[in-house]
Amino acid sequence: MTAPPVTRPVAQTSALGHVSAIFPADIDAVPRARALTRECVSEHQDDLEIVTCELVTNAVFHADTAIIIVDIT
């Protein structure tokens, strides 16, 4: 599948602080998702960045999809 031409995450923030972003399913999504996590959380930031990187990397390499959605609540 070919990823849609997204140059930056399409992010929406709710009044309760929920952030949802859509990334093309390519390796560039990993640092972009990590940066989004860094911007959105203050507690346990290092651990959450690592988890985000692992999950997005797995999605890029193992999921048969054109996009990856990252939700941070």
C-alpha atoms as a PDB file:
ATOM      1  CA  MET A   1       0.000   0.000   0.000  1.00  0.00           C
ATOM      2  CA  THR A   2       1.125   3.518  -0.673  1.00  0.00           C
ATOM      3  CA  ALA A   3       0.953   5.981   2.184  1.00  0.00           C
ATOM      4  CA  PRO A   4      -0.986   9.204   1.676  1.00  0.00           C
ATOM      5  CA  PRO A   5       1.162  12.298   1.121  1.00  0.00           C
ATOM      6  CA  VAL A   6       1.118  13.680   4.663  1.00  0.00           C
ATOM      7  CA  THR A   7       3.950  16.090   5.393  1.00  0.00           C
ATOM      8  CA  ARG A   8       3.090  16.612   9.041  1.00  0.00           C
ATOM      9  CA  PRO A   9       0.802  14.816  11.468  1.00  0.00           C
ATOM     10  CA  VAL A  10      -2.857  15.578  11.288  1.00  0.00           C
ATOM     11  CA  ALA A  11      -3.420  16.165  14.987  1.00  0.00           C
ATOM     12  CA  GLN A  12      -6.565  16.991  16.861  1.00  0.00           C
ATOM     13  CA  THR A  13      -6.704  17.913  20.522  1.00  0.00           C
ATOM     14  CA  SER A  14      -9.836  17.568  22.604  1.00  0.00           C
ATOM     15  CA  ALA A  15     -10.790  19.738  25.567  1.00  0.00           C
ATOM     16  CA  LEU A  16      -9.719  16.877  27.862  1.00  0.00           C
ATOM     17  CA  GLY A  17      -6.196  16.795  26.456  1.00  0.00           C
ATOM     18  CA  HIS A  18      -6.629  13.800  24.150  1.00  0.00           C
ATOM     19  CA  VAL A  19      -4.381  14.084  21.082  1.00  0.00           C
ATOM     20  CA  SER A  20      -4.847  11.966  17.976  1.00  0.00           C
ATOM     21  CA  ALA A  21      -2.402  12.127  15.047  1.00  0.00           C
ATOM     22  CA  ILE A  22      -2.281  10.330  11.696  1.00  0.00           C
ATOM     23  CA  PHE A  23       1.081   9.479  10.118  1.00  0.00           C
ATOM     24  CA  PRO A  24       1.956   7.753   6.844  1.00  0.00           C
ATOM     25  CA  ALA A  25       3.118   4.199   7.583  1.00  0.00           C
ATOM     26  CA  ASP A  26       6.797   4.754   6.819  1.00  0.00           C
ATOM     27  CA  ILE A  27       9.937   4.885   8.912  1.00  0.00           C
ATOM     28  CA  ASP A  28       9.733   8.688   9.194  1.00  0.00           C
ATOM     29  CA  ALA A  29       6.650   8.185  11.378  1.00  0.00           C
ATOM     30  CA  VAL A  30       8.829   6.902  14.236  1.00  0.00           C
ATOM     31  CA  PRO A  31      10.677  10.136  15.139  1.00  0.00           C
ATOM     32  CA  ARG A  32       7.587  12.192  14.371  1.00  0.00           C
ATOM     33  CA  ALA A  33       5.447  10.124  16.757  1.00  0.00           C
ATOM     34  CA  ARG A  34       8.206  10.332  19.356  1.00  0.00           C
ATOM     35  CA  ALA A  35       8.285  14.138  19.033  1.00  0.00           C
ATOM     36  CA  LEU A  36       4.506  14.280  19.386  1.00  0.00           C
ATOM     37  CA  THR A  37       4.737  12.200  22.565  1.00  0.00           C
ATOM     38  CA  ARG A  38       7.467  14.495  23.909  1.00  0.00           C
ATOM     39  CA  GLU A  39       5.264  17.542  23.297  1.00  0.00           C
ATOM     40  CA  CYS A  40       2.154  16.035  24.884  1.00  0.00           C
ATOM     41  CA  VAL A  41       3.372  14.392  28.086  1.00  0.00           C
ATOM     42  CA  SER A  42       5.404  15.591  31.021  1.00  0.00           C
ATOM     43  CA  GLU A  43       5.407  12.614  33.407  1.00  0.00           C
ATOM     44  CA  HIS A  44       7.340   9.445  32.501  1.00  0.00           C
ATOM     45  CA  GLN A  45       8.359  11.127  29.256  1.00  0.00           C
ATOM     46  CA  ASP A  46      11.399   8.936  28.498  1.00  0.00           C
ATOM     47  CA  ASP A  47       9.504   5.690  29.057  1.00  0.00           C
ATOM     48  CA  LEU A  48       6.548   6.820  26.963  1.00  0.00           C
ATOM     49  CA  GLU A  49       8.817   7.931  24.117  1.00  0.00           C
ATOM     50  CA  ILE A  50      10.445   4.487  24.031  1.00  0.00           C
ATOM     51  CA  VAL A  51       7.078   2.709  24.059  1.00  0.00           C
ATOM     52  CA  THR A  52       5.820   4.985  21.288  1.00  0.00           C
ATOM     53  CA  CYS A  53       8.908   4.278  19.165  1.00  0.00           C
ATOM     54  CA  GLU A  54       8.564   0.527  19.631  1.00  0.00           C
ATOM     55  CA  LEU A  55       4.861   0.466  18.801  1.00  0.00           C
ATOM     56  CA  VAL A  56       5.152   2.724  15.755  1.00  0.00           C
ATOM     57  CA  THR A  57       8.182   0.785  14.471  1.00  0.00           C
ATOM     58  CA  ASN A  58       6.255  -2.476  14.795  1.00  0.00           C
ATOM     59  CA  ALA A  59       3.295  -0.945  12.974  1.00  0.00           C
ATOM     60  CA  VAL A  60       5.527   0.306  10.145  1.00  0.00           C
ATOM     61  CA  PHE A  61       7.221  -3.058   9.617  1.00  0.00           C
ATOM     62  CA  HIS A  62       4.444  -5.534  10.437  1.00  0.00           C
ATOM     63  CA  ALA A  63       1.046  -3.945   9.806  1.00  0.00           C
ATOM     64  CA  ASP A  64      -0.297  -3.936   6.284  1.00  0.00           C
ATOM     65  CA  THR A  65      -1.644  -0.407   6.397  1.00  0.00           C
ATOM     66  CA  ALA A  66      -1.015   2.938   4.753  1.00  0.00           C
ATOM     67  CA  ILE A  67      -1.417   5.038   7.897  1.00  0.00           C
ATOM     68  CA  ILE A  68      -0.642   4.856  11.600  1.00  0.00           C
ATOM     69  CA  ILE A  69      -2.839   6.572  14.156  1.00  0.00           C
ATOM     70  CA  VAL A  70      -1.257   7.640  17.433  1.00  0.00           C
ATOM     71  CA  ASP A  71      -3.646   8.482  20.283  1.00  0.00           C
ATOM     72  CA  ILE A  72      -2.328  10.090  23.457  1.00  0.00           C
ATOM     73  CA  THR A  73      -4.686  10.499  26.386  1.00  0.00           C
END
